[in-house]
Amino acid sequence: MLHGLTGWHLLIVLAVVVLLFGAAKLPALAQSVGKSARLFKGELKAMKDDDTATLAESAAPAVPDARVSAVIADPPPTR
């Protein structure tokens, strides 16, 4: 996956990140990334729960309406 990247490569990337963002902003950046990840996981869980609830509702047998079954069971009288 890393195709020959060594510790030196990672150290250089870290140095570039520190130079771009500054050492003072890195904790705030990490905190916002953590909040975003938690929010994303929560939304995924909510979507999964909604999907299972929808599947459970669609799998439930339909209860026939009493008015419809009464109309079908008692046809109008004929003369």
Protein backbone atom coordinates (compact mmCIF):
# COMPACT_ATOMS: atom_id res chain seq x y z
CA MET A 1 0.00 0.00 0.00
CA LEU A 2 2.76 2.44 0.83
CA HIS A 3 5.04 1.11 -1.94
CA GLY A 4 8.42 1.66 -0.35
CA LEU A 5 7.68 4.68 1.82
CA THR A 6 9.95 4.78 4.83
CA GLY A 7 9.98 6.62 8.12
CA TRP A 8 11.91 9.44 6.50
CA HIS A 9 9.13 10.05 4.02
CA LEU A 10 6.58 10.27 6.81
CA LEU A 11 8.85 12.63 8.75
CA ILE A 12 9.11 14.92 5.73
CA VAL A 13 5.33 14.91 5.28
CA LEU A 14 4.89 15.77 8.97
CA ALA A 15 7.39 18.64 8.66
CA VAL A 16 5.52 20.03 5.64
CA VAL A 17 2.22 19.86 7.54
CA VAL A 18 3.74 21.71 10.50
CA LEU A 19 5.16 24.36 8.17
CA LEU A 20 1.85 24.84 6.37
CA PHE A 21 -0.48 24.94 9.35
CA GLY A 22 1.84 25.97 12.16
CA ALA A 23 2.32 24.14 15.42
CA ALA A 24 -0.31 26.23 17.23
CA LYS A 25 -3.14 25.25 14.86
CA LEU A 26 -2.45 21.51 14.78
CA PRO A 27 -4.42 20.67 17.99
CA ALA A 28 -7.46 22.58 16.71
CA LEU A 29 -7.14 20.83 13.37
CA ALA A 30 -6.97 17.42 15.04
CA GLN A 31 -9.96 18.28 17.24
CA SER A 32 -12.09 19.30 14.26
CA VAL A 33 -11.13 16.14 12.39
CA GLY A 34 -12.14 14.06 15.43
CA LYS A 35 -15.50 15.83 15.71
CA SER A 36 -16.14 15.32 12.03
CA ALA A 37 -15.32 11.62 12.28
CA ARG A 38 -17.67 11.20 15.28
CA LEU A 39 -20.45 13.02 13.43
CA PHE A 40 -19.93 10.86 10.35
CA LYS A 41 -20.05 7.64 12.40
CA GLY A 42 -23.23 8.80 14.13
CA GLU A 43 -24.93 9.58 10.82
CA LEU A 44 -23.91 6.20 9.40
CA LYS A 45 -25.38 4.47 12.45
CA ALA A 46 -28.61 6.47 12.14
CA MET A 47 -28.90 5.58 8.45
CA LYS A 48 -28.30 1.90 9.24
CA ASP A 49 -30.97 1.99 11.96
CA ASP A 50 -33.42 3.66 9.56
CA ASP A 51 -32.76 0.99 6.94
CA THR A 52 -33.37 -1.85 9.39
CA ALA A 53 -36.58 -0.18 10.62
CA THR A 54 -37.79 0.23 7.04
CA LEU A 55 -37.02 -3.41 6.25
CA ALA A 56 -38.83 -4.54 9.38
CA GLU A 57 -41.93 -2.52 8.44
CA SER A 58 -41.99 -3.84 4.88
CA ALA A 59 -41.54 -7.43 6.07
CA ALA A 60 -44.52 -7.23 8.45
CA PRO A 61 -47.67 -8.93 7.07
CA ALA A 62 -50.37 -6.55 5.96
CA VAL A 63 -53.46 -6.53 8.18
CA PRO A 64 -56.58 -6.48 6.02
CA ASP A 65 -58.94 -3.59 6.57
CA ALA A 66 -62.17 -4.69 8.29
CA ARG A 67 -64.34 -2.56 6.00
CA VAL A 68 -62.86 -4.08 2.88
CA SER A 69 -63.25 -7.63 4.13
CA ALA A 70 -66.89 -6.92 5.15
CA VAL A 71 -67.69 -5.65 1.66
CA ILE A 72 -66.10 -8.68 0.06
CA ALA A 73 -67.72 -11.13 2.49
CA ASP A 74 -71.27 -9.68 2.22
CA PRO A 75 -72.18 -9.04 -1.40
CA PRO A 76 -75.22 -6.86 -2.01
CA PRO A 77 -78.51 -8.74 -2.19
CA THR A 78 -79.84 -9.57 -5.64
CA ARG A 79 -83.57 -9.55 -6.59
